[in-house]
N, C-alpha and C. Protein backbone atom coordinates (compact mmCIF):
# COMPACT_ATOMS: atom_id res chain seq x y z
N UNK A 1 103.14 98.55 74.96
CA UNK A 1 104.36 98.63 75.39
C UNK A 1 104.63 97.28 76.44
N UNK A 2 103.77 96.99 77.32
CA UNK A 2 103.87 96.16 78.21
C UNK A 2 103.91 94.70 77.63
N UNK A 3 103.17 94.47 76.55
CA UNK A 3 103.05 93.26 75.78
C UNK A 3 104.54 93.07 75.05
N UNK A 4 105.07 94.18 74.39
CA UNK A 4 106.23 94.17 73.98
C UNK A 4 107.23 93.76 74.76
N UNK A 5 107.31 94.21 76.00
CA UNK A 5 108.34 93.91 77.09
C UNK A 5 108.36 92.54 77.48
N UNK A 6 107.12 91.96 77.64
CA UNK A 6 106.87 90.72 78.16
C UNK A 6 107.51 89.65 76.82
N UNK A 7 107.12 89.96 75.57
CA UNK A 7 107.57 89.25 74.74
C UNK A 7 109.12 89.18 74.49
N UNK A 8 109.79 90.50 74.73
CA UNK A 8 111.13 90.57 74.60
C UNK A 8 111.84 89.65 75.76
N UNK A 9 111.37 89.95 77.04
CA UNK A 9 111.76 88.99 78.02
C UNK A 9 111.75 87.59 77.88
N UNK A 10 110.61 87.07 77.19
CA UNK A 10 110.39 85.71 76.84
C UNK A 10 111.58 85.13 75.64
N UNK A 11 111.84 85.97 74.85
CA UNK A 11 112.78 85.78 73.77
C UNK A 11 114.29 85.74 74.53
N UNK A 12 114.22 86.65 75.30
CA UNK A 12 115.89 86.81 76.06
C UNK A 12 116.06 85.37 76.80
N UNK A 13 115.06 84.92 77.54
CA UNK A 13 115.09 83.81 78.26
C UNK A 13 115.27 82.63 77.44
N UNK A 14 114.68 82.59 76.34
CA UNK A 14 114.77 81.43 75.41
C UNK A 14 116.21 81.31 74.83
N UNK A 15 116.80 82.40 74.27
CA UNK A 15 118.13 82.53 73.82
C UNK A 15 119.17 82.16 75.02
N UNK A 16 118.91 82.74 76.19
CA UNK A 16 119.84 82.52 77.29
C UNK A 16 119.98 80.62 77.65
N UNK A 17 118.81 80.21 77.45
CA UNK A 17 118.76 78.85 77.92
C UNK A 17 119.37 78.14 76.80
N UNK A 18 119.15 78.55 75.45
CA UNK A 18 119.85 77.76 74.34
C UNK A 18 121.36 78.14 74.38
N UNK A 19 121.89 79.18 74.96
CA UNK A 19 123.34 79.46 75.05
C UNK A 19 123.80 78.45 76.00
N UNK A 20 123.22 78.44 77.30
CA UNK A 20 123.63 77.49 78.31
C UNK A 20 123.46 76.05 77.80
N UNK A 21 122.67 75.71 76.95
CA UNK A 21 122.70 74.15 76.60
C UNK A 21 123.97 73.93 75.65
N UNK A 22 124.24 75.02 74.73
CA UNK A 22 125.38 74.93 73.93
C UNK A 22 126.60 74.81 74.77
N UNK A 23 126.65 75.53 75.85
CA UNK A 23 128.03 75.40 76.74
C UNK A 23 128.15 74.24 77.27
N UNK A 24 126.85 73.56 77.84
CA UNK A 24 126.76 72.20 78.36
C UNK A 24 127.29 71.27 77.47
N UNK A 25 126.84 71.28 76.10
CA UNK A 25 127.25 70.24 75.11
C UNK A 25 128.74 70.42 74.82
N UNK A 26 129.28 71.56 74.89
CA UNK A 26 130.68 71.88 74.76
C UNK A 26 131.46 71.15 75.62
N UNK A 27 131.05 71.58 77.09
CA UNK A 27 131.75 70.78 78.17
C UNK A 27 131.86 69.22 78.02
N UNK A 28 130.54 68.83 77.61
CA UNK A 28 130.34 67.19 77.48
C UNK A 28 131.53 66.83 76.62
N UNK A 29 131.66 67.53 75.46
CA UNK A 29 132.56 67.10 74.39
C UNK A 29 133.99 67.19 74.68
N UNK A 30 134.22 68.18 75.62
CA UNK A 30 135.75 68.31 76.20
C UNK A 30 135.90 67.20 77.12
N UNK A 31 135.03 66.74 77.94
CA UNK A 31 135.30 65.63 78.94
C UNK A 31 135.44 64.62 78.14
N UNK A 32 134.62 64.21 77.25
CA UNK A 32 134.70 62.95 76.53
C UNK A 32 136.00 62.99 75.29
N UNK A 33 136.88 63.96 75.39
CA UNK A 33 138.01 64.24 74.58
C UNK A 33 137.69 64.20 73.10
N UNK A 34 136.46 64.53 72.80
CA UNK A 34 135.95 64.87 71.24
C UNK A 34 136.56 66.15 70.76
N UNK A 35 136.99 67.05 71.71
CA UNK A 35 137.61 68.29 71.14
C UNK A 35 138.86 68.65 71.96
N UNK A 36 139.84 69.51 71.44
CA UNK A 36 140.96 69.80 72.09
C UNK A 36 140.56 71.02 73.12
N UNK A 37 141.53 71.29 74.08
CA UNK A 37 141.36 72.07 75.01
C UNK A 37 141.38 73.64 74.34
N UNK A 38 142.21 73.93 73.18
CA UNK A 38 142.23 75.22 72.50
C UNK A 38 140.85 75.48 72.11
N UNK A 39 140.34 74.47 71.28
CA UNK A 39 138.93 74.60 70.79
C UNK A 39 137.80 74.95 71.98
N UNK A 40 138.00 74.19 72.95
CA UNK A 40 137.08 74.39 74.17
C UNK A 40 137.12 75.77 74.69
N UNK A 41 138.40 76.11 74.81
CA UNK A 41 138.63 77.43 75.60
C UNK A 41 138.11 78.51 74.73
N UNK A 42 138.34 78.42 73.35
CA UNK A 42 137.89 79.46 72.34
C UNK A 42 136.24 79.59 72.33
N UNK A 43 135.75 78.49 72.24
CA UNK A 43 134.23 78.38 72.18
C UNK A 43 133.58 78.84 73.70
N UNK A 44 134.44 78.32 74.79
CA UNK A 44 133.56 78.66 76.12
C UNK A 44 133.68 80.18 76.28
N UNK A 45 134.78 80.58 75.88
CA UNK A 45 134.65 82.36 76.01
C UNK A 45 133.67 82.96 75.06
N UNK A 46 133.50 82.40 74.06
CA UNK A 46 132.26 83.03 73.04
C UNK A 46 130.95 82.57 73.94
N UNK A 47 130.55 81.53 74.32
CA UNK A 47 129.44 81.32 75.02
C UNK A 47 129.24 81.93 76.23
N UNK A 48 130.21 82.03 77.09
CA UNK A 48 130.11 82.85 78.37
C UNK A 48 129.90 84.49 78.04
N UNK A 49 130.42 84.93 76.99
CA UNK A 49 130.22 86.31 76.75
C UNK A 49 128.71 86.58 76.27
N UNK A 50 128.15 85.48 75.24
CA UNK A 50 126.85 85.69 75.06
C UNK A 50 125.88 85.60 76.15
N UNK A 51 126.42 84.52 77.02
CA UNK A 51 125.29 84.48 78.39
C UNK A 51 125.34 85.55 79.09
N UNK A 52 126.56 86.10 79.31
CA UNK A 52 126.68 87.42 80.11
C UNK A 52 125.84 88.73 79.56
N UNK A 53 125.96 88.80 78.22
CA UNK A 53 125.20 89.57 77.61
C UNK A 53 123.75 89.70 77.67
N UNK A 54 123.23 88.34 77.47
CA UNK A 54 121.89 88.18 77.73
C UNK A 54 121.28 88.21 79.03
N UNK A 55 122.15 87.96 79.91
CA UNK A 55 121.79 88.08 81.59
C UNK A 55 121.50 89.68 81.83
N UNK A 56 122.45 90.45 81.12
CA UNK A 56 122.56 91.77 81.42
C UNK A 56 121.26 92.47 80.91
N UNK A 57 120.96 92.15 79.57
CA UNK A 57 119.78 92.47 78.90
C UNK A 57 118.53 92.22 79.69
N UNK A 58 118.32 91.09 80.20
CA UNK A 58 117.40 90.55 81.08
C UNK A 58 117.11 91.10 82.29
N UNK A 59 118.14 91.55 82.77
CA UNK A 59 118.16 92.28 84.06
C UNK A 59 117.59 93.85 83.77
N UNK A 60 117.83 94.18 82.56
CA UNK A 60 117.21 95.63 82.35
C UNK A 60 115.82 95.69 81.80
N UNK A 61 115.22 94.43 81.79
CA UNK A 61 113.71 94.36 81.40
C UNK A 61 113.05 95.08 82.36
N UNK A 62 112.21 95.99 82.21
CA UNK A 62 111.38 96.72 83.32
C UNK A 62 110.49 96.13 84.04
N UNK A 63 109.70 94.85 83.68
CA UNK A 63 108.73 94.37 84.37
C UNK A 63 109.22 93.31 85.21
N UNK A 64 109.18 93.71 86.71
CA UNK A 64 109.57 92.62 87.55
C UNK A 64 108.60 92.77 88.72
N UNK A 65 107.25 92.33 88.35
CA UNK A 65 106.15 92.43 89.27
C UNK A 65 105.51 91.05 89.29
N UNK A 66 105.31 90.62 90.57
CA UNK A 66 104.62 89.33 90.71
C UNK A 66 102.94 89.75 90.84
N UNK A 67 102.75 90.78 90.96
CA UNK A 67 101.24 91.36 91.32
C UNK A 67 100.92 92.28 90.30
N UNK A 68 101.43 91.94 88.95
CA UNK A 68 101.23 93.13 88.16
C UNK A 68 99.65 93.38 87.68
N UNK A 69 98.90 92.34 87.68
CA UNK A 69 97.58 92.41 87.44
C UNK A 69 96.84 93.20 88.53
N UNK A 70 97.29 93.48 89.95
CA UNK A 70 96.79 94.04 90.78
C UNK A 70 97.18 95.52 90.81
N UNK A 71 98.26 95.58 90.31
CA UNK A 71 98.99 97.05 90.22
C UNK A 71 98.15 97.79 89.03
N UNK A 72 98.08 97.10 88.00
CA UNK A 72 97.27 97.78 86.95
C UNK A 72 95.62 98.20 87.40
N UNK A 73 94.97 97.03 87.97
CA UNK A 73 93.82 97.40 88.39
C UNK A 73 93.74 98.54 89.55
N UNK A 74 94.73 98.72 90.44
CA UNK A 74 94.82 99.85 91.32
C UNK A 74 94.92 101.01 90.45
N UNK A 75 95.93 100.99 89.51
CA UNK A 75 96.13 102.32 88.76
C UNK A 75 94.97 102.87 88.05
N UNK A 76 94.26 101.80 87.49
CA UNK A 76 92.91 102.14 86.79
C UNK A 76 91.74 102.70 87.60
N UNK A 77 91.98 102.14 88.98
CA UNK A 77 90.96 102.64 89.92
C UNK A 77 91.13 104.12 90.23
N UNK A 78 92.57 104.19 90.44
CA UNK A 78 93.07 105.62 90.71
C UNK A 78 92.54 106.59 89.62
N UNK A 79 92.82 106.40 88.32
CA UNK A 79 92.73 107.14 87.39
C UNK A 79 91.10 107.26 87.18
N UNK A 80 90.20 106.30 87.56
CA UNK A 80 88.85 106.50 87.24
C UNK A 80 88.17 107.37 88.30
N UNK A 81 88.89 107.66 89.55
CA UNK A 81 88.19 108.49 90.37
C UNK A 81 89.33 109.44 91.03
N UNK A 82 89.96 110.02 90.24
CA UNK A 82 90.90 110.97 90.84
C UNK A 82 90.57 111.89 91.84
N UNK A 83 89.35 112.47 91.85
CA UNK A 83 88.72 113.22 92.91
C UNK A 83 88.89 112.71 94.21
N UNK A 84 88.24 111.55 94.39
CA UNK A 84 88.08 110.85 95.59
C UNK A 84 89.74 110.52 96.06
N UNK A 85 90.63 110.20 95.18
CA UNK A 85 91.98 109.75 95.87
C UNK A 85 92.56 111.20 96.12
N UNK A 86 92.27 112.40 95.45
CA UNK A 86 92.92 113.53 95.97
C UNK A 86 92.30 114.01 97.39
N UNK A 87 90.97 113.74 97.61
CA UNK A 87 90.47 114.28 98.63
C UNK A 87 90.79 113.28 99.88
N UNK A 88 91.03 112.23 99.66
CA UNK A 88 91.62 111.36 100.88
C UNK A 88 93.04 111.13 100.99
N UNK A 89 93.95 111.93 100.10
CA UNK A 89 95.27 111.83 100.23
C UNK A 89 95.94 112.95 101.40
N UNK A 90 97.12 112.59 101.69
CA UNK A 90 97.82 113.60 102.69
C UNK A 90 98.68 114.44 101.65
N UNK A 91 99.50 115.25 102.27
CA UNK A 91 100.05 116.45 101.27
C UNK A 91 100.93 115.52 100.24
N UNK A 92 101.73 114.76 100.73
CA UNK A 92 102.71 114.12 99.88
C UNK A 92 101.91 113.35 98.70
N UNK A 93 100.85 112.63 99.07
CA UNK A 93 100.17 111.73 98.25
C UNK A 93 99.42 112.78 97.29
N UNK A 94 99.12 114.11 97.67
CA UNK A 94 98.34 115.09 96.78
C UNK A 94 99.66 115.61 95.63
N UNK A 95 100.86 115.76 96.13
CA UNK A 95 101.86 116.13 95.24
C UNK A 95 102.16 115.19 94.28
N UNK A 96 102.19 113.82 94.61
CA UNK A 96 102.52 112.79 93.76
C UNK A 96 101.28 112.69 92.60
N UNK A 97 100.18 112.68 93.13
CA UNK A 97 99.01 112.72 92.14
C UNK A 97 99.04 113.91 91.15
N UNK A 98 99.26 114.99 91.72
CA UNK A 98 99.38 116.26 90.92
C UNK A 98 100.31 115.98 89.94
N UNK A 99 101.66 115.57 90.12
CA UNK A 99 102.73 115.19 89.14
C UNK A 99 102.42 114.14 88.18
N UNK A 100 101.59 113.17 88.56
CA UNK A 100 101.10 112.18 87.76
C UNK A 100 100.03 112.67 86.75
N UNK A 101 99.25 113.62 87.09
CA UNK A 101 97.87 113.91 86.13
C UNK A 101 98.47 115.02 85.35
N UNK A 102 99.24 116.16 85.94
CA UNK A 102 99.39 117.18 85.19
C UNK A 102 100.96 117.20 85.02
N UNK A 103 101.40 116.68 83.92
CA UNK A 103 102.77 116.42 83.71
C UNK A 103 103.54 117.57 83.52
N UNK A 104 103.26 118.61 82.88
CA UNK A 104 104.07 119.71 82.77
C UNK A 104 103.69 120.80 83.95
N UNK A 105 103.05 120.45 84.84
CA UNK A 105 102.90 121.34 86.08
C UNK A 105 101.58 122.11 85.92
N UNK A 106 101.49 122.98 87.06
CA UNK A 106 100.31 124.06 86.98
C UNK A 106 100.93 125.41 87.10
N UNK A 107 100.33 126.24 86.43
CA UNK A 107 100.52 127.45 86.60
C UNK A 107 99.53 128.37 87.21
N UNK A 108 99.82 129.61 87.82
CA UNK A 108 98.85 130.54 88.36
C UNK A 108 98.79 131.59 87.53
N UNK A 109 97.49 132.21 87.25
CA UNK A 109 97.40 133.38 86.82
C UNK A 109 96.59 134.25 87.87
N UNK A 110 97.32 135.03 88.44
CA UNK A 110 97.04 135.90 89.71
C UNK A 110 96.00 137.12 89.22
N UNK A 111 96.02 137.46 87.99
CA UNK A 111 94.87 138.45 87.57
C UNK A 111 93.52 137.87 87.77
N UNK A 112 93.46 136.76 87.01
CA UNK A 112 92.15 136.11 86.81
C UNK A 112 91.78 135.19 87.86
N UNK A 113 92.74 135.08 88.98
CA UNK A 113 92.68 134.15 89.99
C UNK A 113 92.12 132.57 89.52
N UNK A 114 93.08 132.35 88.59
CA UNK A 114 92.72 130.85 87.95
C UNK A 114 94.07 130.05 87.93
N UNK A 115 93.92 128.89 88.22
CA UNK A 115 94.97 127.93 87.89
C UNK A 115 94.92 127.28 86.58
N UNK A 116 95.98 127.42 85.88
CA UNK A 116 95.90 126.66 84.49
C UNK A 116 96.89 125.48 84.29
N UNK A 117 96.45 124.39 83.57
CA UNK A 117 97.28 123.35 83.32
C UNK A 117 97.42 123.15 81.88
N UNK A 118 98.63 123.14 81.28
CA UNK A 118 98.73 123.09 79.88
C UNK A 118 98.47 121.81 79.50
N UNK A 119 98.92 120.86 80.16
CA UNK A 119 98.93 119.37 79.56
C UNK A 119 98.60 118.42 80.50
N UNK A 120 97.65 117.52 80.30
CA UNK A 120 97.31 116.35 81.10
C UNK A 120 97.79 115.02 80.62
N UNK A 121 98.03 114.34 81.62
CA UNK A 121 98.65 112.90 81.31
C UNK A 121 97.46 112.28 80.29
N UNK A 122 98.05 111.82 79.17
CA UNK A 122 96.93 111.24 78.12
C UNK A 122 96.23 110.03 78.58
N UNK A 123 96.86 109.06 79.31
CA UNK A 123 96.42 107.91 79.62
C UNK A 123 95.32 107.92 80.82
N UNK A 124 95.51 109.12 81.79
CA UNK A 124 94.54 109.31 82.77
C UNK A 124 93.63 109.93 82.18
N UNK A 125 93.79 110.92 81.30
CA UNK A 125 92.54 111.73 80.59
C UNK A 125 91.89 110.71 80.00
N UNK A 126 92.34 109.75 79.28
CA UNK A 126 91.30 108.76 78.51
C UNK A 126 90.61 107.99 79.49
N UNK A 127 90.95 107.61 80.74
CA UNK A 127 90.50 106.87 81.81
C UNK A 127 89.38 107.55 82.32
N UNK A 128 89.79 108.84 82.74
CA UNK A 128 88.76 109.70 83.33
C UNK A 128 87.59 110.02 82.45
N UNK A 129 87.86 110.23 81.09
CA UNK A 129 87.04 110.50 80.09
C UNK A 129 86.03 109.39 79.94
N UNK A 130 86.62 108.17 79.98
CA UNK A 130 85.66 107.04 79.79
C UNK A 130 84.81 106.79 81.22
N UNK A 131 85.17 107.14 82.16
CA UNK A 131 84.61 107.07 83.24
C UNK A 131 83.56 108.14 83.47
N UNK A 132 83.58 109.20 82.64
CA UNK A 132 82.75 110.35 82.83
C UNK A 132 82.86 111.41 83.94
N UNK A 133 84.15 111.22 84.47
CA UNK A 133 84.61 112.33 85.57
C UNK A 133 85.21 113.43 85.13
N UNK A 134 85.37 113.47 83.72
CA UNK A 134 86.25 114.58 83.19
C UNK A 134 85.51 115.52 82.34
N UNK A 135 85.34 116.75 82.54
CA UNK A 135 84.37 117.70 81.59
C UNK A 135 85.41 118.94 81.09
N UNK A 136 85.28 119.12 79.81
CA UNK A 136 86.16 120.12 79.43
C UNK A 136 85.41 121.61 79.50
N UNK A 137 86.30 122.48 79.45
CA UNK A 137 85.32 123.87 79.40
C UNK A 137 85.10 124.47 78.05
N UNK A 138 84.79 125.42 77.86
CA UNK A 138 84.42 126.07 76.42
C UNK A 138 85.73 125.75 75.41
N UNK A 139 87.01 126.47 76.09
CA UNK A 139 88.03 126.46 75.28
C UNK A 139 88.85 125.16 75.23
N UNK A 140 88.44 124.15 75.91
CA UNK A 140 89.24 122.80 75.84
C UNK A 140 90.21 122.93 77.03
N UNK A 141 90.53 123.98 77.57
CA UNK A 141 91.67 123.99 78.51
C UNK A 141 91.11 123.50 79.96
N UNK A 142 91.91 123.11 80.73
CA UNK A 142 91.63 122.67 82.25
C UNK A 142 91.76 123.97 82.97
N UNK A 143 90.58 124.64 83.49
CA UNK A 143 90.90 126.04 84.09
C UNK A 143 90.07 125.46 85.58
N UNK A 144 90.55 125.80 86.67
CA UNK A 144 90.07 125.38 88.01
C UNK A 144 90.15 127.01 88.80
N UNK A 145 88.93 127.27 89.46
CA UNK A 145 89.03 128.49 90.36
C UNK A 145 89.54 128.14 91.50
N UNK A 146 90.21 129.09 92.24
CA UNK A 146 90.88 128.61 93.47
C UNK A 146 90.49 129.80 94.43
N UNK A 147 90.27 129.69 95.83
CA UNK A 147 90.08 130.62 96.70
C UNK A 147 91.25 131.02 97.55
N UNK A 148 91.59 132.43 97.52
CA UNK A 148 92.75 132.63 98.18
C UNK A 148 92.59 132.64 99.60
N UNK A 149 93.28 132.41 100.49
CA UNK A 149 92.96 132.82 102.05
C UNK A 149 92.97 134.33 102.35
N UNK A 150 92.25 134.47 103.33
CA UNK A 150 92.16 135.86 103.64
C UNK A 150 93.46 136.63 104.00
N UNK A 151 93.39 137.82 103.53
CA UNK A 151 94.66 138.65 103.75
C UNK A 151 95.00 138.97 105.35
N UNK A 152 96.24 138.94 105.47
CA UNK A 152 96.65 139.39 106.95
C UNK A 152 96.50 140.85 107.21
N UNK A 153 96.09 140.98 108.43
CA UNK A 153 95.64 142.55 108.73
C UNK A 153 96.85 143.46 108.40
N UNK A 154 96.47 144.74 108.05
CA UNK A 154 97.72 145.47 107.56
C UNK A 154 98.38 146.00 108.79
N UNK A 155 99.74 146.32 108.37
CA UNK A 155 100.69 146.65 109.49
C UNK A 155 100.25 147.78 110.34
N UNK A 156 100.64 147.69 111.65
CA UNK A 156 100.13 148.47 112.61
C UNK A 156 98.75 148.21 113.55
N UNK A 157 98.05 147.10 112.95
CA UNK A 157 96.74 146.82 113.52
C UNK A 157 97.09 145.74 114.27
N UNK A 158 96.86 145.77 115.57
CA UNK A 158 97.17 144.78 116.55
C UNK A 158 95.85 143.96 117.03
N UNK A 159 95.78 142.88 117.19
CA UNK A 159 94.62 142.43 118.03
C UNK A 159 94.42 142.86 119.43
N UNK A 160 93.18 142.84 119.92
CA UNK A 160 93.23 143.26 121.40
C UNK A 160 93.80 142.35 122.25
N UNK A 161 94.50 142.58 123.32
CA UNK A 161 94.95 141.59 124.23
C UNK A 161 93.93 141.14 125.30
N UNK A 162 92.85 141.81 125.39
CA UNK A 162 91.98 141.49 126.62
C UNK A 162 90.77 140.42 126.17
């Protein structure tokens, strides 16, 4: 997809430059009195509309990073060692990582005291699998045991004040 976007951006820039050259030639012909003002205005509007459309399409291309290689390397590093990233992240970082890895969220089965994940981000799964940090259980599902905090003391029991 990245390759396709880069190729599309390249084609759009080429078309944009071609349209600008055509407009420049049209203006030169008008200045040299080779064409009438009516013909000039008609074709000028056509070229300006095409240029405007190409500029808008070019503005919508998603790739706008001068450090794209660094960003890709960092993404691969994160995906290769998700456990370490999780361990060293703050609360917000853990939430973002959780949304990235488990795209459909995480559910809790209170009876079994298990957290279930129905679907994992396929790109991250493949990177983790290649790095050897992901292991499936017998059913192929991602089950993680969790430890619940201790229960609060029952009502009426108060700690000693001495």
